Every structure is written in structure tokens, then in C-alpha cells.
Amino acid sequence: MKFLLGVLSVIIGLEGLWSAIRHRRLRDKSGWIYARLERQPLYFWVMTVVFALMVGTGCFLLLLAITDVR
């Protein structure tokens, strides 16, 4: 379970980070832009940090799942 949660967290976090860094805007799954760096800089950077934390948490969960010894 930790492994699956870690993989999902890393994938979703990397997808959001890639969109934020490359396009300087955040989109939802339907394609609507809901934050641009020029218009909402604080919200944009807060969400970018949230995506980075998702990647970090996912990597931590993957590490726990891989090194789990029973």
C-alpha cells in the first residue's frame, strides 16, 4: 500500500511541477487554467511548493516500502 501511494504521489507531483515550471501556469484535468504566475503569484508558488512536497512525500513512502523488512 505504501508503494502504491508513493508512486501515485510522485506521478501527480511531478506532473504538477512540470506544468508549473515549464508553462508558468497550473491546469486542472479538464485543461482549464486556474492559476498563472503573472496574475496570482502567491497562489501559484504555494501550489508549486505543494507539488514539490508531494514528490518528496512520495519518494519517502517508496523508500519505506522498499526497505520494509518484516
PDB file of N, CA and C in Angstrom:
ATOM      1  N   MET A   1       0.817  -1.190   0.000  1.00  0.00           N
ATOM      2  CA  MET A   1       0.000   0.000   0.000  1.00  0.00           C
ATOM      3  C   MET A   1       0.870   1.267   0.000  1.00  0.00           C
ATOM      4  N   LYS A   2       1.946   1.234   0.804  1.00  0.00           N
ATOM      5  CA  LYS A   2       2.857   2.383   0.826  1.00  0.00           C
ATOM      6  C   LYS A   2       3.467   2.605  -0.552  1.00  0.00           C
ATOM      7  N   PHE A   3       3.783   1.499  -1.218  1.00  0.00           N
ATOM      8  CA  PHE A   3       4.403   1.604  -2.537  1.00  0.00           C
ATOM      9  C   PHE A   3       3.455   2.272  -3.536  1.00  0.00           C
ATOM     10  N   LEU A   4       2.200   1.845  -3.557  1.00  0.00           N
ATOM     11  CA  LEU A   4       1.230   2.430  -4.488  1.00  0.00           C
ATOM     12  C   LEU A   4       0.973   3.902  -4.188  1.00  0.00           C
ATOM     13  N   LEU A   5       0.832   4.238  -2.918  1.00  0.00           N
ATOM     14  CA  LEU A   5       0.647   5.646  -2.553  1.00  0.00           C
ATOM     15  C   LEU A   5       1.865   6.484  -2.932  1.00  0.00           C
ATOM     16  N   GLY A   6       3.047   5.922  -2.746  1.00  0.00           N
ATOM     17  CA  GLY A   6       4.261   6.630  -3.120  1.00  0.00           C
ATOM     18  C   GLY A   6       4.351   6.880  -4.609  1.00  0.00           C
ATOM     19  N   VAL A   7       4.029   5.860  -5.398  1.00  0.00           N
ATOM     20  CA  VAL A   7       4.077   6.006  -6.858  1.00  0.00           C
ATOM     21  C   VAL A   7       3.064   7.050  -7.321  1.00  0.00           C
ATOM     22  N   LEU A   8       1.838   6.977  -6.816  1.00  0.00           N
ATOM     23  CA  LEU A   8       0.820   7.955  -7.207  1.00  0.00           C
ATOM     24  C   LEU A   8       1.208   9.371  -6.802  1.00  0.00           C
ATOM     25  N   SER A   9       1.745   9.527  -5.622  1.00  0.00           N
ATOM     26  CA  SER A   9       2.151  10.848  -5.154  1.00  0.00           C
ATOM     27  C   SER A   9       3.273  11.421  -6.015  1.00  0.00           C
ATOM     28  N   VAL A  10       4.237  10.593  -6.355  1.00  0.00           N
ATOM     29  CA  VAL A  10       5.342  11.060  -7.197  1.00  0.00           C
ATOM     30  C   VAL A  10       4.833  11.438  -8.585  1.00  0.00           C
ATOM     31  N   ILE A  11       3.973  10.624  -9.168  1.00  0.00           N
ATOM     32  CA  ILE A  11       3.472  10.901 -10.516  1.00  0.00           C
ATOM     33  C   ILE A  11       2.658  12.192 -10.547  1.00  0.00           C
ATOM     34  N   ILE A  12       1.732  12.345  -9.618  1.00  0.00           N
ATOM     35  CA  ILE A  12       0.892  13.549  -9.599  1.00  0.00           C
ATOM     36  C   ILE A  12       1.730  14.787  -9.287  1.00  0.00           C
ATOM     37  N   GLY A  13       2.656  14.668  -8.349  1.00  0.00           N
ATOM     38  CA  GLY A  13       3.515  15.801  -8.008  1.00  0.00           C
ATOM     39  C   GLY A  13       4.412  16.223  -9.153  1.00  0.00           C
ATOM     40  N   LEU A  14       5.009  15.254  -9.854  1.00  0.00           N
ATOM     41  CA  LEU A  14       5.870  15.593 -10.989  1.00  0.00           C
ATOM     42  C   LEU A  14       5.079  16.207 -12.132  1.00  0.00           C
ATOM     43  N   GLU A  15       3.871  15.720 -12.352  1.00  0.00           N
ATOM     44  CA  GLU A  15       3.030  16.297 -13.400  1.00  0.00           C
ATOM     45  C   GLU A  15       2.711  17.761 -13.100  1.00  0.00           C
ATOM     46  N   GLY A  16       2.353  18.055 -11.860  1.00  0.00           N
ATOM     47  CA  GLY A  16       2.063  19.432 -11.477  1.00  0.00           C
ATOM     48  C   GLY A  16       3.291  20.325 -11.517  1.00  0.00           C
ATOM     49  N   LEU A  17       4.416  19.804 -11.037  1.00  0.00           N
ATOM     50  CA  LEU A  17       5.657  20.588 -11.084  1.00  0.00           C
ATOM     51  C   LEU A  17       6.078  20.886 -12.518  1.00  0.00           C
ATOM     52  N   TRP A  18       5.958  19.899 -13.388  1.00  0.00           N
ATOM     53  CA  TRP A  18       6.352  20.093 -14.787  1.00  0.00           C
ATOM     54  C   TRP A  18       5.498  21.182 -15.432  1.00  0.00           C
ATOM     55  N   SER A  19       4.210  21.152 -15.190  1.00  0.00           N
ATOM     56  CA  SER A  19       3.324  22.173 -15.742  1.00  0.00           C
ATOM     57  C   SER A  19       3.662  23.551 -15.179  1.00  0.00           C
ATOM     58  N   ALA A  20       3.924  23.611 -13.889  1.00  0.00           N
ATOM     59  CA  ALA A  20       4.216  24.899 -13.255  1.00  0.00           C
ATOM     60  C   ALA A  20       5.537  25.477 -13.744  1.00  0.00           C
ATOM     61  N   ILE A  21       6.556  24.647 -13.844  1.00  0.00           N
ATOM     62  CA  ILE A  21       7.878  25.144 -14.226  1.00  0.00           C
ATOM     63  C   ILE A  21       7.943  25.454 -15.719  1.00  0.00           C
ATOM     64  N   ARG A  22       7.393  24.574 -16.527  1.00  0.00           N
ATOM     65  CA  ARG A  22       7.529  24.733 -17.975  1.00  0.00           C
ATOM     66  C   ARG A  22       6.599  25.797 -18.533  1.00  0.00           C
ATOM     67  N   HIS A  23       5.333  25.789 -18.135  1.00  0.00           N
ATOM     68  CA  HIS A  23       4.347  26.668 -18.752  1.00  0.00           C
ATOM     69  C   HIS A  23       4.003  27.891 -17.907  1.00  0.00           C
ATOM     70  N   ARG A  24       4.470  27.940 -16.675  1.00  0.00           N
ATOM     71  CA  ARG A  24       4.183  29.035 -15.745  1.00  0.00           C
ATOM     72  C   ARG A  24       2.682  29.218 -15.514  1.00  0.00           C
ATOM     73  N   ARG A  25       1.963  28.100 -15.528  1.00  0.00           N
ATOM     74  CA  ARG A  25       0.542  28.116 -15.199  1.00  0.00           C
ATOM     75  C   ARG A  25       0.154  26.735 -14.701  1.00  0.00           C
ATOM     76  N   LEU A  26      -0.904  26.689 -13.921  1.00  0.00           N
ATOM     77  CA  LEU A  26      -1.407  25.430 -13.387  1.00  0.00           C
ATOM     78  C   LEU A  26      -2.757  25.143 -14.023  1.00  0.00           C
ATOM     79  N   ARG A  27      -2.955  23.895 -14.418  1.00  0.00           N
ATOM     80  CA  ARG A  27      -4.202  23.494 -15.063  1.00  0.00           C
ATOM     81  C   ARG A  27      -4.848  22.377 -14.271  1.00  0.00           C
ATOM     82  N   ASP A  28      -6.165  22.289 -14.389  1.00  0.00           N
ATOM     83  CA  ASP A  28      -6.827  21.116 -13.831  1.00  0.00           C
ATOM     84  C   ASP A  28      -6.904  20.050 -14.929  1.00  0.00           C
ATOM     85  N   LYS A  29      -7.514  18.920 -14.625  1.00  0.00           N
ATOM     86  CA  LYS A  29      -7.515  17.800 -15.569  1.00  0.00           C
ATOM     87  C   LYS A  29      -8.314  18.084 -16.831  1.00  0.00           C
ATOM     88  N   SER A  30      -9.282  18.988 -16.780  1.00  0.00           N
ATOM     89  CA  SER A  30     -10.066  19.292 -17.973  1.00  0.00           C
ATOM     90  C   SER A  30      -9.367  20.303 -18.875  1.00  0.00           C
ATOM     91  N   GLY A  31      -8.247  20.856 -18.424  1.00  0.00           N
ATOM     92  CA  GLY A  31      -7.487  21.780 -19.251  1.00  0.00           C
ATOM     93  C   GLY A  31      -7.701  23.245 -18.931  1.00  0.00           C
ATOM     94  N   TRP A  32      -8.603  23.551 -18.009  1.00  0.00           N
ATOM     95  CA  TRP A  32      -8.831  24.946 -17.649  1.00  0.00           C
ATOM     96  C   TRP A  32      -7.659  25.467 -16.824  1.00  0.00           C
ATOM     97  N   ILE A  33      -7.202  26.653 -17.165  1.00  0.00           N
ATOM     98  CA  ILE A  33      -6.113  27.278 -16.411  1.00  0.00           C
ATOM     99  C   ILE A  33      -6.709  27.920 -15.160  1.00  0.00           C
ATOM    100  N   TYR A  34      -6.203  27.555 -13.997  1.00  0.00           N
ATOM    101  CA  TYR A  34      -6.749  28.140 -12.772  1.00  0.00           C
ATOM    102  C   TYR A  34      -5.735  28.951 -11.996  1.00  0.00           C
ATOM    103  N   ALA A  35      -4.500  29.040 -12.447  1.00  0.00           N
ATOM    104  CA  ALA A  35      -3.527  29.928 -11.804  1.00  0.00           C
ATOM    105  C   ALA A  35      -2.411  30.244 -12.792  1.00  0.00           C
ATOM    106  N   ARG A  36      -2.101  31.504 -12.921  1.00  0.00           N
ATOM    107  CA  ARG A  36      -0.975  31.944 -13.747  1.00  0.00           C
ATOM    108  C   ARG A  36       0.006  32.693 -12.850  1.00  0.00           C
ATOM    109  N   LEU A  37       1.266  32.590 -13.191  1.00  0.00           N
ATOM    110  CA  LEU A  37       2.283  33.267 -12.400  1.00  0.00           C
ATOM    111  C   LEU A  37       2.077  34.778 -12.418  1.00  0.00           C
ATOM    112  N   GLU A  38       1.657  35.321 -13.565  1.00  0.00           N
ATOM    113  CA  GLU A  38       1.508  36.769 -13.687  1.00  0.00           C
ATOM    114  C   GLU A  38       0.319  37.294 -12.880  1.00  0.00           C
ATOM    115  N   ARG A  39      -0.761  36.517 -12.805  1.00  0.00           N
ATOM    116  CA  ARG A  39      -1.985  37.013 -12.167  1.00  0.00           C
ATOM    117  C   ARG A  39      -2.088  36.668 -10.691  1.00  0.00           C
ATOM    118  N   GLN A  40      -1.702  35.448 -10.320  1.00  0.00           N
ATOM    119  CA  GLN A  40      -1.811  35.005  -8.925  1.00  0.00           C
ATOM    120  C   GLN A  40      -0.476  34.429  -8.466  1.00  0.00           C
ATOM    121  N   PRO A  41       0.539  35.271  -8.267  1.00  0.00           N
ATOM    122  CA  PRO A  41       1.866  34.730  -7.956  1.00  0.00           C
ATOM    123  C   PRO A  41       1.933  33.967  -6.632  1.00  0.00           C
ATOM    124  N   LEU A  42       1.251  34.443  -5.602  1.00  0.00           N
ATOM    125  CA  LEU A  42       1.316  33.759  -4.311  1.00  0.00           C
ATOM    126  C   LEU A  42       0.677  32.377  -4.395  1.00  0.00           C
ATOM    127  N   TYR A  43      -0.523  32.308  -4.953  1.00  0.00           N
ATOM    128  CA  TYR A  43      -1.206  31.021  -5.090  1.00  0.00           C
ATOM    129  C   TYR A  43      -0.400  30.079  -5.979  1.00  0.00           C
ATOM    130  N   PHE A  44       0.178  30.602  -7.051  1.00  0.00           N
ATOM    131  CA  PHE A  44       0.987  29.791  -7.952  1.00  0.00           C
ATOM    132  C   PHE A  44       2.162  29.165  -7.208  1.00  0.00           C
ATOM    133  N   TRP A  45       2.894  29.957  -6.439  1.00  0.00           N
ATOM    134  CA  TRP A  45       4.063  29.424  -5.737  1.00  0.00           C
ATOM    135  C   TRP A  45       3.672  28.500  -4.593  1.00  0.00           C
ATOM    136  N   VAL A  46       2.565  28.772  -3.921  1.00  0.00           N
ATOM    137  CA  VAL A  46       2.098  27.869  -2.865  1.00  0.00           C
ATOM    138  C   VAL A  46       1.762  26.507  -3.458  1.00  0.00           C
ATOM    139  N   MET A  47       1.060  26.487  -4.576  1.00  0.00           N
ATOM    140  CA  MET A  47       0.709  25.211  -5.205  1.00  0.00           C
ATOM    141  C   MET A  47       1.947  24.505  -5.752  1.00  0.00           C
ATOM    142  N   THR A  48       2.919  25.252  -6.241  1.00  0.00           N
ATOM    143  CA  THR A  48       4.160  24.639  -6.712  1.00  0.00           C
ATOM    144  C   THR A  48       4.891  23.968  -5.554  1.00  0.00           C
ATOM    145  N   VAL A  49       4.911  24.608  -4.396  1.00  0.00           N
ATOM    146  CA  VAL A  49       5.523  24.001  -3.206  1.00  0.00           C
ATOM    147  C   VAL A  49       4.739  22.762  -2.775  1.00  0.00           C
ATOM    148  N   VAL A  50       3.417  22.805  -2.880  1.00  0.00           N
ATOM    149  CA  VAL A  50       2.600  21.633  -2.543  1.00  0.00           C
ATOM    150  C   VAL A  50       2.955  20.464  -3.457  1.00  0.00           C
ATOM    151  N   PHE A  51       3.116  20.725  -4.748  1.00  0.00           N
ATOM    152  CA  PHE A  51       3.511  19.656  -5.673  1.00  0.00           C
ATOM    153  C   PHE A  51       4.901  19.120  -5.336  1.00  0.00           C
ATOM    154  N   ALA A  52       5.821  20.007  -4.959  1.00  0.00           N
ATOM    155  CA  ALA A  52       7.159  19.553  -4.574  1.00  0.00           C
ATOM    156  C   ALA A  52       7.101  18.698  -3.308  1.00  0.00           C
ATOM    157  N   LEU A  53       6.260  19.077  -2.360  1.00  0.00           N
ATOM    158  CA  LEU A  53       6.091  18.264  -1.150  1.00  0.00           C
ATOM    159  C   LEU A  53       5.469  16.908  -1.468  1.00  0.00           C
ATOM    160  N   MET A  54       4.577  16.871  -2.448  1.00  0.00           N
ATOM    161  CA  MET A  54       4.001  15.586  -2.865  1.00  0.00           C
ATOM    162  C   MET A  54       5.080  14.665  -3.411  1.00  0.00           C
ATOM    163  N   VAL A  55       5.996  15.216  -4.201  1.00  0.00           N
ATOM    164  CA  VAL A  55       7.092  14.405  -4.737  1.00  0.00           C
ATOM    165  C   VAL A  55       7.970  13.911  -3.596  1.00  0.00           C
ATOM    166  N   GLY A  56       8.303  14.781  -2.661  1.00  0.00           N
ATOM    167  CA  GLY A  56       9.130  14.378  -1.524  1.00  0.00           C
ATOM    168  C   GLY A  56       8.465  13.320  -0.664  1.00  0.00           C
ATOM    169  N   THR A  57       7.180  13.497  -0.394  1.00  0.00           N
ATOM    170  CA  THR A  57       6.442  12.506   0.394  1.00  0.00           C
ATOM    171  C   THR A  57       6.354  11.180  -0.338  1.00  0.00           C
ATOM    172  N   GLY A  58       6.127  11.237  -1.642  1.00  0.00           N
ATOM    173  CA  GLY A  58       6.060  10.008  -2.428  1.00  0.00           C
ATOM    174  C   GLY A  58       7.376   9.264  -2.427  1.00  0.00           C
ATOM    175  N   CYS A  59       8.475   9.994  -2.555  1.00  0.00           N
ATOM    176  CA  CYS A  59       9.797   9.346  -2.501  1.00  0.00           C
ATOM    177  C   CYS A  59      10.039   8.720  -1.132  1.00  0.00           C
ATOM    178  N   PHE A  60       9.623   9.406  -0.087  1.00  0.00           N
ATOM    179  CA  PHE A  60       9.768   8.860   1.262  1.00  0.00           C
ATOM    180  C   PHE A  60       8.944   7.584   1.429  1.00  0.00           C
ATOM    181  N   LEU A  61       7.710   7.584   0.930  1.00  0.00           N
ATOM    182  CA  LEU A  61       6.875   6.382   1.013  1.00  0.00           C
ATOM    183  C   LEU A  61       7.470   5.233   0.207  1.00  0.00           C
ATOM    184  N   LEU A  62       8.025   5.546  -0.961  1.00  0.00           N
ATOM    185  CA  LEU A  62       8.680   4.498  -1.750  1.00  0.00           C
ATOM    186  C   LEU A  62       9.879   3.930  -1.008  1.00  0.00           C
ATOM    187  N   LEU A  63      10.649   4.794  -0.374  1.00  0.00           N
ATOM    188  CA  LEU A  63      11.794   4.334   0.403  1.00  0.00           C
ATOM    189  C   LEU A  63      11.344   3.433   1.549  1.00  0.00           C
ATOM    190  N   LEU A  64      10.284   3.827   2.244  1.00  0.00           N
ATOM    191  CA  LEU A  64       9.758   2.990   3.325  1.00  0.00           C
ATOM    192  C   LEU A  64       9.265   1.644   2.805  1.00  0.00           C
ATOM    193  N   ALA A  65       8.612   1.662   1.653  1.00  0.00           N
ATOM    194  CA  ALA A  65       8.081   0.413   1.101  1.00  0.00           C
ATOM    195  C   ALA A  65       9.197  -0.515   0.644  1.00  0.00           C
ATOM    196  N   ILE A  66      10.255   0.053   0.091  1.00  0.00           N
ATOM    197  CA  ILE A  66      11.355  -0.774  -0.417  1.00  0.00           C
ATOM    198  C   ILE A  66      12.175  -1.352   0.729  1.00  0.00           C
ATOM    199  N   THR A  67      12.399  -0.555   1.770  1.00  0.00           N
ATOM    200  CA  THR A  67      13.250  -1.014   2.873  1.00  0.00           C
ATOM    201  C   THR A  67      12.461  -1.677   3.996  1.00  0.00           C
ATOM    202  N   ASP A  68      11.174  -1.917   3.788  1.00  0.00           N
ATOM    203  CA  ASP A  68      10.336  -2.537   4.815  1.00  0.00           C
ATOM    204  C   ASP A  68      10.730  -4.001   4.988  1.00  0.00           C
ATOM    205  N   VAL A  69      11.251  -4.328   6.163  1.00  0.00           N
ATOM    206  CA  VAL A  69      11.673  -5.695   6.464  1.00  0.00           C
ATOM    207  C   VAL A  69      10.736  -6.240   7.530  1.00  0.00           C
ATOM    208  N   ARG A  70      10.163  -7.387   7.256  1.00  0.00           N
ATOM    209  CA  ARG A  70       9.238  -7.987   8.227  1.00  0.00           C
ATOM    210  C   ARG A  70       9.843  -9.203   8.831  1.00  0.00           C
TER     211      ARG A  70
END
